Amino acid sequence: MDMNKIDGAKTLLIGKSESKSLGFLDYWLDGSSQEVKYLSINQYENDDRFYLFLLNEQFETLSDYLEDSVDEAKDIANQLFPDIKIKWKNWIV
């Protein structure tokens, strides 16, 4: 997986928990679940908005959120995982 682009969007930041798992995402249609290992904030070319991607261990997208700013995307991550300190790393190459 090319971490510089996820689902075709340029990776700006990668986030992960400093101490524990982010948790699991349950799919109600088929009853399956996948562990959320990483978060990323990405931007598509010619788009001024930002995506928060929830990623599995292979950096495959499990879910996404569209926000107007990087700070809003980080706020959503904190709302989704309120008891977890997320460490963000710049990923712009």
PDB file of N, CA and C in Angstrom:
ATOM      1  N   MET A   1       0.845  -1.182   0.000  1.00  0.00           N
ATOM      2  CA  MET A   1       0.000   0.000   0.000  1.00  0.00           C
ATOM      3  C   MET A   1       0.886   1.239   0.000  1.00  0.00           C
ATOM      4  N   ASP A   2       0.584   2.161  -0.870  1.00  0.00           N
ATOM      5  CA  ASP A   2       1.298   3.440  -0.927  1.00  0.00           C
ATOM      6  C   ASP A   2       0.667   4.379   0.082  1.00  0.00           C
ATOM      7  N   MET A   3       1.378   4.649   1.186  1.00  0.00           N
ATOM      8  CA  MET A   3       0.827   5.497   2.233  1.00  0.00           C
ATOM      9  C   MET A   3       0.852   6.972   1.851  1.00  0.00           C
ATOM     10  N   ASN A   4       1.547   7.340   0.776  1.00  0.00           N
ATOM     11  CA  ASN A   4       1.566   8.730   0.329  1.00  0.00           C
ATOM     12  C   ASN A   4       0.221   9.151  -0.241  1.00  0.00           C
ATOM     13  N   LYS A   5      -0.531   8.179  -0.736  1.00  0.00           N
ATOM     14  CA  LYS A   5      -1.890   8.416  -1.237  1.00  0.00           C
ATOM     15  C   LYS A   5      -2.771   7.285  -0.746  1.00  0.00           C
ATOM     16  N   ILE A   6      -3.875   7.634  -0.139  1.00  0.00           N
ATOM     17  CA  ILE A   6      -4.849   6.647   0.316  1.00  0.00           C
ATOM     18  C   ILE A   6      -6.153   6.939  -0.405  1.00  0.00           C
ATOM     19  N   ASP A   7      -6.665   5.938  -1.100  1.00  0.00           N
ATOM     20  CA  ASP A   7      -7.864   6.092  -1.927  1.00  0.00           C
ATOM     21  C   ASP A   7      -7.715   7.252  -2.909  1.00  0.00           C
ATOM     22  N   GLY A   8      -6.481   7.482  -3.377  1.00  0.00           N
ATOM     23  CA  GLY A   8      -6.213   8.520  -4.360  1.00  0.00           C
ATOM     24  C   GLY A   8      -6.011   9.914  -3.792  1.00  0.00           C
ATOM     25  N   ALA A   9      -6.108  10.060  -2.475  1.00  0.00           N
ATOM     26  CA  ALA A   9      -5.955  11.366  -1.835  1.00  0.00           C
ATOM     27  C   ALA A   9      -4.585  11.462  -1.163  1.00  0.00           C
ATOM     28  N   LYS A  10      -3.935  12.612  -1.301  1.00  0.00           N
ATOM     29  CA  LYS A  10      -2.607  12.834  -0.739  1.00  0.00           C
ATOM     30  C   LYS A  10      -2.656  12.795   0.788  1.00  0.00           C
ATOM     31  N   THR A  11      -1.758  12.015   1.384  1.00  0.00           N
ATOM     32  CA  THR A  11      -1.689  11.895   2.834  1.00  0.00           C
ATOM     33  C   THR A  11      -0.957  13.096   3.419  1.00  0.00           C
ATOM     34  N   LEU A  12      -1.600  13.766   4.365  1.00  0.00           N
ATOM     35  CA  LEU A  12      -1.010  14.916   5.051  1.00  0.00           C
ATOM     36  C   LEU A  12      -0.517  14.547   6.448  1.00  0.00           C
ATOM     37  N   LEU A  13      -1.332  13.752   7.160  1.00  0.00           N
ATOM     38  CA  LEU A  13      -1.012  13.347   8.527  1.00  0.00           C
ATOM     39  C   LEU A  13      -1.418  11.896   8.740  1.00  0.00           C
ATOM     40  N   ILE A  14      -0.633  11.185   9.558  1.00  0.00           N
ATOM     41  CA  ILE A  14      -0.990   9.840   9.994  1.00  0.00           C
ATOM     42  C   ILE A  14      -1.113   9.895  11.514  1.00  0.00           C
ATOM     43  N   GLY A  15      -2.160   9.290  12.042  1.00  0.00           N
ATOM     44  CA  GLY A  15      -2.367   9.275  13.483  1.00  0.00           C
ATOM     45  C   GLY A  15      -2.510   7.868  13.998  1.00  0.00           C
ATOM     46  N   LYS A  16      -2.056   7.654  15.240  1.00  0.00           N
ATOM     47  CA  LYS A  16      -2.251   6.367  15.897  1.00  0.00           C
ATOM     48  C   LYS A  16      -2.279   6.595  17.402  1.00  0.00           C
ATOM     49  N   SER A  17      -2.740   5.595  18.106  1.00  0.00           N
ATOM     50  CA  SER A  17      -2.779   5.658  19.564  1.00  0.00           C
ATOM     51  C   SER A  17      -1.374   5.451  20.102  1.00  0.00           C
ATOM     52  N   GLU A  18      -1.052   6.194  21.142  1.00  0.00           N
ATOM     53  CA  GLU A  18       0.250   6.024  21.766  1.00  0.00           C
ATOM     54  C   GLU A  18       0.282   4.824  22.698  1.00  0.00           C
ATOM     55  N   SER A  19      -0.886   4.365  23.152  1.00  0.00           N
ATOM     56  CA  SER A  19      -0.863   3.352  24.197  1.00  0.00           C
ATOM     57  C   SER A  19      -1.773   2.141  23.976  1.00  0.00           C
ATOM     58  N   LYS A  20      -2.846   2.294  23.218  1.00  0.00           N
ATOM     59  CA  LYS A  20      -3.775   1.180  23.079  1.00  0.00           C
ATOM     60  C   LYS A  20      -4.460   1.206  21.725  1.00  0.00           C
ATOM     61  N   SER A  21      -5.198   0.170  21.462  1.00  0.00           N
ATOM     62  CA  SER A  21      -5.935   0.057  20.209  1.00  0.00           C
ATOM     63  C   SER A  21      -6.948   1.187  20.081  1.00  0.00           C
ATOM     64  N   LEU A  22      -7.167   1.645  18.866  1.00  0.00           N
ATOM     65  CA  LEU A  22      -8.208   2.641  18.615  1.00  0.00           C
ATOM     66  C   LEU A  22      -9.592   2.029  18.756  1.00  0.00           C
ATOM     67  N   GLY A  23      -9.687   0.725  18.515  1.00  0.00           N
ATOM     68  CA  GLY A  23     -10.973   0.050  18.650  1.00  0.00           C
ATOM     69  C   GLY A  23     -11.362  -0.680  17.380  1.00  0.00           C
ATOM     70  N   PHE A  24     -12.604  -1.108  17.326  1.00  0.00           N
ATOM     71  CA  PHE A  24     -13.109  -1.884  16.201  1.00  0.00           C
ATOM     72  C   PHE A  24     -14.276  -1.169  15.551  1.00  0.00           C
ATOM     73  N   LEU A  25     -14.374  -1.326  14.252  1.00  0.00           N
ATOM     74  CA  LEU A  25     -15.488  -0.794  13.486  1.00  0.00           C
ATOM     75  C   LEU A  25     -16.377  -1.977  13.104  1.00  0.00           C
ATOM     76  N   ASP A  26     -17.623  -1.946  13.559  1.00  0.00           N
ATOM     77  CA  ASP A  26     -18.559  -3.035  13.292  1.00  0.00           C
ATOM     78  C   ASP A  26     -19.411  -2.706  12.073  1.00  0.00           C
ATOM     79  N   TYR A  27     -19.579  -3.703  11.217  1.00  0.00           N
ATOM     80  CA  TYR A  27     -20.416  -3.570  10.021  1.00  0.00           C
ATOM     81  C   TYR A  27     -21.713  -4.329  10.272  1.00  0.00           C
ATOM     82  N   TRP A  28     -22.801  -3.582  10.374  1.00  0.00           N
ATOM     83  CA  TRP A  28     -24.069  -4.207  10.733  1.00  0.00           C
ATOM     84  C   TRP A  28     -24.659  -5.045   9.604  1.00  0.00           C
ATOM     85  N   LEU A  29     -24.303  -4.763   8.351  1.00  0.00           N
ATOM     86  CA  LEU A  29     -24.889  -5.532   7.244  1.00  0.00           C
ATOM     87  C   LEU A  29     -24.471  -6.996   7.269  1.00  0.00           C
ATOM     88  N   ASP A  30     -23.182  -7.250   7.520  1.00  0.00           N
ATOM     89  CA  ASP A  30     -22.720  -8.638   7.505  1.00  0.00           C
ATOM     90  C   ASP A  30     -22.232  -9.120   8.869  1.00  0.00           C
ATOM     91  N   GLY A  31     -22.297  -8.266   9.878  1.00  0.00           N
ATOM     92  CA  GLY A  31     -21.914  -8.670  11.223  1.00  0.00           C
ATOM     93  C   GLY A  31     -20.416  -8.760  11.468  1.00  0.00           C
ATOM     94  N   SER A  32     -19.619  -8.332  10.500  1.00  0.00           N
ATOM     95  CA  SER A  32     -18.168  -8.402  10.658  1.00  0.00           C
ATOM     96  C   SER A  32     -17.644  -7.160  11.386  1.00  0.00           C
ATOM     97  N   SER A  33     -16.389  -7.220  11.792  1.00  0.00           N
ATOM     98  CA  SER A  33     -15.749  -6.059  12.388  1.00  0.00           C
ATOM     99  C   SER A  33     -14.271  -6.062  12.013  1.00  0.00           C
ATOM    100  N   GLN A  34     -13.680  -4.879  11.973  1.00  0.00           N
ATOM    101  CA  GLN A  34     -12.261  -4.738  11.684  1.00  0.00           C
ATOM    102  C   GLN A  34     -11.659  -3.751  12.670  1.00  0.00           C
ATOM    103  N   GLU A  35     -10.412  -4.010  13.045  1.00  0.00           N
ATOM    104  CA  GLU A  35      -9.738  -3.128  13.982  1.00  0.00           C
ATOM    105  C   GLU A  35      -9.235  -1.869  13.273  1.00  0.00           C
ATOM    106  N   VAL A  36      -9.482  -0.734  13.886  1.00  0.00           N
ATOM    107  CA  VAL A  36      -8.955   0.541  13.402  1.00  0.00           C
ATOM    108  C   VAL A  36      -7.553   0.679  13.993  1.00  0.00           C
ATOM    109  N   LYS A  37      -6.530   0.642  13.124  1.00  0.00           N
ATOM    110  CA  LYS A  37      -5.139   0.715  13.591  1.00  0.00           C
ATOM    111  C   LYS A  37      -4.550   2.107  13.422  1.00  0.00           C
ATOM    112  N   TYR A  38      -4.986   2.810  12.381  1.00  0.00           N
ATOM    113  CA  TYR A  38      -4.415   4.114  12.061  1.00  0.00           C
ATOM    114  C   TYR A  38      -5.524   5.071  11.627  1.00  0.00           C
ATOM    115  N   LEU A  39      -5.210   6.342  11.707  1.00  0.00           N
ATOM    116  CA  LEU A  39      -6.043   7.398  11.150  1.00  0.00           C
ATOM    117  C   LEU A  39      -5.178   8.168  10.164  1.00  0.00           C
ATOM    118  N   SER A  40      -5.789   8.742   9.171  1.00  0.00           N
ATOM    119  CA  SER A  40      -5.034   9.630   8.285  1.00  0.00           C
ATOM    120  C   SER A  40      -5.924  10.798   7.883  1.00  0.00           C
ATOM    121  N   ILE A  41      -5.268  11.924   7.658  1.00  0.00           N
ATOM    122  CA  ILE A  41      -5.960  13.096   7.126  1.00  0.00           C
ATOM    123  C   ILE A  41      -5.383  13.328   5.742  1.00  0.00           C
ATOM    124  N   ASN A  42      -6.271  13.340   4.769  1.00  0.00           N
ATOM    125  CA  ASN A  42      -5.874  13.385   3.363  1.00  0.00           C
ATOM    126  C   ASN A  42      -6.650  14.465   2.619  1.00  0.00           C
ATOM    127  N   GLN A  43      -6.109  14.809   1.439  1.00  0.00           N
ATOM    128  CA  GLN A  43      -6.772  15.802   0.605  1.00  0.00           C
ATOM    129  C   GLN A  43      -6.641  15.379  -0.860  1.00  0.00           C
ATOM    130  N   TYR A  44      -7.755  15.429  -1.548  1.00  0.00           N
ATOM    131  CA  TYR A  44      -7.757  15.144  -2.986  1.00  0.00           C
ATOM    132  C   TYR A  44      -7.310  16.384  -3.755  1.00  0.00           C
ATOM    133  N   GLU A  45      -6.658  16.154  -4.870  1.00  0.00           N
ATOM    134  CA  GLU A  45      -6.231  17.252  -5.734  1.00  0.00           C
ATOM    135  C   GLU A  45      -7.458  18.057  -6.170  1.00  0.00           C
ATOM    136  N   ASN A  46      -7.313  19.367  -6.212  1.00  0.00           N
ATOM    137  CA  ASN A  46      -8.382  20.290  -6.615  1.00  0.00           C
ATOM    138  C   ASN A  46      -9.587  20.275  -5.672  1.00  0.00           C
ATOM    139  N   ASP A  47      -9.365  19.896  -4.419  1.00  0.00           N
ATOM    140  CA  ASP A  47     -10.423  19.922  -3.408  1.00  0.00           C
ATOM    141  C   ASP A  47      -9.865  20.619  -2.184  1.00  0.00           C
ATOM    142  N   ASP A  48     -10.583  21.594  -1.663  1.00  0.00           N
ATOM    143  CA  ASP A  48     -10.075  22.338  -0.504  1.00  0.00           C
ATOM    144  C   ASP A  48     -10.547  21.745   0.819  1.00  0.00           C
ATOM    145  N   ARG A  49     -11.234  20.606   0.772  1.00  0.00           N
ATOM    146  CA  ARG A  49     -11.695  19.938   1.986  1.00  0.00           C
ATOM    147  C   ARG A  49     -10.732  18.813   2.365  1.00  0.00           C
ATOM    148  N   PHE A  50     -10.940  18.252   3.543  1.00  0.00           N
ATOM    149  CA  PHE A  50     -10.025  17.248   4.081  1.00  0.00           C
ATOM    150  C   PHE A  50     -10.805  16.020   4.534  1.00  0.00           C
ATOM    151  N   TYR A  51     -10.214  14.854   4.320  1.00  0.00           N
ATOM    152  CA  TYR A  51     -10.831  13.592   4.716  1.00  0.00           C
ATOM    153  C   TYR A  51     -10.089  13.001   5.896  1.00  0.00           C
ATOM    154  N   LEU A  52     -10.849  12.547   6.876  1.00  0.00           N
ATOM    155  CA  LEU A  52     -10.313  11.725   7.953  1.00  0.00           C
ATOM    156  C   LEU A  52     -10.627  10.286   7.576  1.00  0.00           C
ATOM    157  N   PHE A  53      -9.588   9.482   7.350  1.00  0.00           N
ATOM    158  CA  PHE A  53      -9.761   8.076   7.021  1.00  0.00           C
ATOM    159  C   PHE A  53      -9.461   7.229   8.250  1.00  0.00           C
ATOM    160  N   LEU A  54     -10.316   6.258   8.532  1.00  0.00           N
ATOM    161  CA  LEU A  54     -10.059   5.231   9.536  1.00  0.00           C
ATOM    162  C   LEU A  54      -9.511   4.037   8.782  1.00  0.00           C
ATOM    163  N   LEU A  55      -8.336   3.554   9.196  1.00  0.00           N
ATOM    164  CA  LEU A  55      -7.600   2.559   8.422  1.00  0.00           C
ATOM    165  C   LEU A  55      -7.332   1.283   9.217  1.00  0.00           C
ATOM    166  N   ASN A  56      -7.266   0.161   8.501  1.00  0.00           N
ATOM    167  CA  ASN A  56      -6.870  -1.087   9.146  1.00  0.00           C
ATOM    168  C   ASN A  56      -5.348  -1.229   9.106  1.00  0.00           C
ATOM    169  N   GLU A  57      -4.845  -2.371   9.502  1.00  0.00           N
ATOM    170  CA  GLU A  57      -3.398  -2.596   9.581  1.00  0.00           C
ATOM    171  C   GLU A  57      -2.716  -2.513   8.218  1.00  0.00           C
ATOM    172  N   GLN A  58      -3.446  -2.800   7.150  1.00  0.00           N
ATOM    173  CA  GLN A  58      -2.905  -2.735   5.785  1.00  0.00           C
ATOM    174  C   GLN A  58      -3.123  -1.356   5.148  1.00  0.00           C
ATOM    175  N   PHE A  59      -3.533  -0.377   5.940  1.00  0.00           N
ATOM    176  CA  PHE A  59      -3.821   0.983   5.481  1.00  0.00           C
ATOM    177  C   PHE A  59      -4.951   1.025   4.455  1.00  0.00           C
ATOM    178  N   GLU A  60      -5.900   0.100   4.604  1.00  0.00           N
ATOM    179  CA  GLU A  60      -7.101   0.116   3.785  1.00  0.00           C
ATOM    180  C   GLU A  60      -8.173   0.914   4.526  1.00  0.00           C
ATOM    181  N   THR A  61      -8.937   1.690   3.785  1.00  0.00           N
ATOM    182  CA  THR A  61      -9.954   2.548   4.385  1.00  0.00           C
ATOM    183  C   THR A  61     -11.144   1.736   4.877  1.00  0.00           C
ATOM    184  N   LEU A  62     -11.471   1.929   6.149  1.00  0.00           N
ATOM    185  CA  LEU A  62     -12.652   1.303   6.737  1.00  0.00           C
ATOM    186  C   LEU A  62     -13.835   2.260   6.746  1.00  0.00           C
ATOM    187  N   SER A  63     -13.549   3.545   6.918  1.00  0.00           N
ATOM    188  CA  SER A  63     -14.583   4.577   6.950  1.00  0.00           C
ATOM    189  C   SER A  63     -13.913   5.926   6.718  1.00  0.00           C
ATOM    190  N   ASP A  64     -14.696   6.930   6.360  1.00  0.00           N
ATOM    191  CA  ASP A  64     -14.124   8.269   6.171  1.00  0.00           C
ATOM    192  C   ASP A  64     -15.124   9.348   6.560  1.00  0.00           C
ATOM    193  N   TYR A  65     -14.564  10.523   6.836  1.00  0.00           N
ATOM    194  CA  TYR A  65     -15.334  11.706   7.220  1.00  0.00           C
ATOM    195  C   TYR A  65     -14.795  12.890   6.442  1.00  0.00           C
ATOM    196  N   LEU A  66     -15.663  13.683   5.867  1.00  0.00           N
ATOM    197  CA  LEU A  66     -15.281  14.857   5.085  1.00  0.00           C
ATOM    198  C   LEU A  66     -15.430  16.109   5.943  1.00  0.00           C
ATOM    199  N   GLU A  67     -14.349  16.884   6.037  1.00  0.00           N
ATOM    200  CA  GLU A  67     -14.340  18.080   6.888  1.00  0.00           C
ATOM    201  C   GLU A  67     -13.773  19.271   6.119  1.00  0.00           C
ATOM    202  N   ASP A  68     -14.008  20.469   6.645  1.00  0.00           N
ATOM    203  CA  ASP A  68     -13.557  21.696   5.990  1.00  0.00           C
ATOM    204  C   ASP A  68     -12.132  22.094   6.329  1.00  0.00           C
ATOM    205  N   SER A  69     -11.554  21.513   7.384  1.00  0.00           N
ATOM    206  CA  SER A  69     -10.187  21.865   7.767  1.00  0.00           C
ATOM    207  C   SER A  69      -9.513  20.678   8.438  1.00  0.00           C
ATOM    208  N   VAL A  70      -8.192  20.750   8.535  1.00  0.00           N
ATOM    209  CA  VAL A  70      -7.426  19.720   9.233  1.00  0.00           C
ATOM    210  C   VAL A  70      -7.845  19.688  10.697  1.00  0.00           C
ATOM    211  N   ASP A  71      -8.014  20.865  11.300  1.00  0.00           N
ATOM    212  CA  ASP A  71      -8.418  20.922  12.706  1.00  0.00           C
ATOM    213  C   ASP A  71      -9.777  20.264  12.934  1.00  0.00           C
ATOM    214  N   GLU A  72     -10.714  20.467  12.010  1.00  0.00           N
ATOM    215  CA  GLU A  72     -12.029  19.823  12.139  1.00  0.00           C
ATOM    216  C   GLU A  72     -11.893  18.310  12.027  1.00  0.00           C
ATOM    217  N   ALA A  73     -11.024  17.837  11.139  1.00  0.00           N
ATOM    218  CA  ALA A  73     -10.802  16.393  11.002  1.00  0.00           C
ATOM    219  C   ALA A  73     -10.207  15.818  12.289  1.00  0.00           C
ATOM    220  N   LYS A  74      -9.272  16.552  12.894  1.00  0.00           N
ATOM    221  CA  LYS A  74      -8.702  16.112  14.172  1.00  0.00           C
ATOM    222  C   LYS A  74      -9.764  16.116  15.272  1.00  0.00           C
ATOM    223  N   ASP A  75     -10.642  17.115  15.265  1.00  0.00           N
ATOM    224  CA  ASP A  75     -11.724  17.170  16.246  1.00  0.00           C
ATOM    225  C   ASP A  75     -12.642  15.953  16.128  1.00  0.00           C
ATOM    226  N   ILE A  76     -12.966  15.560  14.903  1.00  0.00           N
ATOM    227  CA  ILE A  76     -13.805  14.376  14.684  1.00  0.00           C
ATOM    228  C   ILE A  76     -13.101  13.140  15.228  1.00  0.00           C
ATOM    229  N   ALA A  77     -11.791  13.018  14.970  1.00  0.00           N
ATOM    230  CA  ALA A  77     -11.029  11.881  15.497  1.00  0.00           C
ATOM    231  C   ALA A  77     -11.113  11.847  17.023  1.00  0.00           C
ATOM    232  N   ASN A  78     -10.997  13.003  17.657  1.00  0.00           N
ATOM    233  CA  ASN A  78     -11.079  13.060  19.117  1.00  0.00           C
ATOM    234  C   ASN A  78     -12.482  12.728  19.626  1.00  0.00           C
ATOM    235  N   GLN A  79     -13.503  13.069  18.848  1.00  0.00           N
ATOM    236  CA  GLN A  79     -14.875  12.720  19.224  1.00  0.00           C
ATOM    237  C   GLN A  79     -15.119  11.217  19.071  1.00  0.00           C
ATOM    238  N   LEU A  80     -14.531  10.625  18.017  1.00  0.00           N
ATOM    239  CA  LEU A  80     -14.696   9.191  17.779  1.00  0.00           C
ATOM    240  C   LEU A  80     -13.956   8.356  18.816  1.00  0.00           C
ATOM    241  N   PHE A  81     -12.814   8.861  19.276  1.00  0.00           N
ATOM    242  CA  PHE A  81     -11.958   8.125  20.204  1.00  0.00           C
ATOM    243  C   PHE A  81     -11.634   9.012  21.409  1.00  0.00           C
ATOM    244  N   PRO A  82     -12.638   9.352  22.226  1.00  0.00           N
ATOM    245  CA  PRO A  82     -12.456  10.358  23.283  1.00  0.00           C
ATOM    246  C   PRO A  82     -11.494   9.957  24.395  1.00  0.00           C
ATOM    247  N   ASP A  83     -11.310   8.683  24.624  1.00  0.00           N
ATOM    248  CA  ASP A  83     -10.459   8.234  25.724  1.00  0.00           C
ATOM    249  C   ASP A  83      -9.047   7.871  25.275  1.00  0.00           C
ATOM    250  N   ILE A  84      -8.704   8.217  24.044  1.00  0.00           N
ATOM    251  CA  ILE A  84      -7.411   7.819  23.474  1.00  0.00           C
ATOM    252  C   ILE A  84      -6.636   9.054  23.042  1.00  0.00           C
ATOM    253  N   LYS A  85      -5.388   9.127  23.450  1.00  0.00           N
ATOM    254  CA  LYS A  85      -4.513  10.205  22.992  1.00  0.00           C
ATOM    255  C   LYS A  85      -3.960   9.802  21.627  1.00  0.00           C
ATOM    256  N   ILE A  86      -4.285  10.592  20.622  1.00  0.00           N
ATOM    257  CA  ILE A  86      -3.845  10.301  19.255  1.00  0.00           C
ATOM    258  C   ILE A  86      -2.584  11.099  18.973  1.00  0.00           C
ATOM    259  N   LYS A  87      -1.567  10.397  18.517  1.00  0.00           N
ATOM    260  CA  LYS A  87      -0.312  11.045  18.141  1.00  0.00           C
ATOM    261  C   LYS A  87      -0.310  11.210  16.616  1.00  0.00           C
ATOM    262  N   TRP A  88      -0.183  12.455  16.145  1.00  0.00           N
ATOM    263  CA  TRP A  88      -0.198  12.760  14.721  1.00  0.00           C
ATOM    264  C   TRP A  88       1.220  12.982  14.221  1.00  0.00           C
ATOM    265  N   LYS A  89       1.498  12.476  13.020  1.00  0.00           N
ATOM    266  CA  LYS A  89       2.801  12.647  12.389  1.00  0.00           C
ATOM    267  C   LYS A  89       2.601  13.251  11.006  1.00  0.00           C
ATOM    268  N   ASN A  90       3.332  14.318  10.695  1.00  0.00           N
ATOM    269  CA  ASN A  90       3.263  14.901   9.340  1.00  0.00           C
ATOM    270  C   ASN A  90       3.738  13.870   8.330  1.00  0.00           C
ATOM    271  N   TRP A  91       3.054  13.811   7.217  1.00  0.00           N
ATOM    272  CA  TRP A  91       3.370  12.810   6.205  1.00  0.00           C
ATOM    273  C   TRP A  91       3.627  13.424   4.840  1.00  0.00           C
ATOM    274  N   ILE A  92       3.645  14.722   4.736  1.00  0.00           N
ATOM    275  CA  ILE A  92       3.805  15.371   3.444  1.00  0.00           C
ATOM    276  C   ILE A  92       5.213  15.118   2.929  1.00  0.00           C
ATOM    277  N   VAL A  93       5.287  14.583   1.710  1.00  0.00           N
ATOM    278  CA  VAL A  93       6.592  14.291   1.091  1.00  0.00           C
ATOM    279  C   VAL A  93       6.818  15.178  -0.105  1.00  0.00           C
TER     280      VAL A  93
END
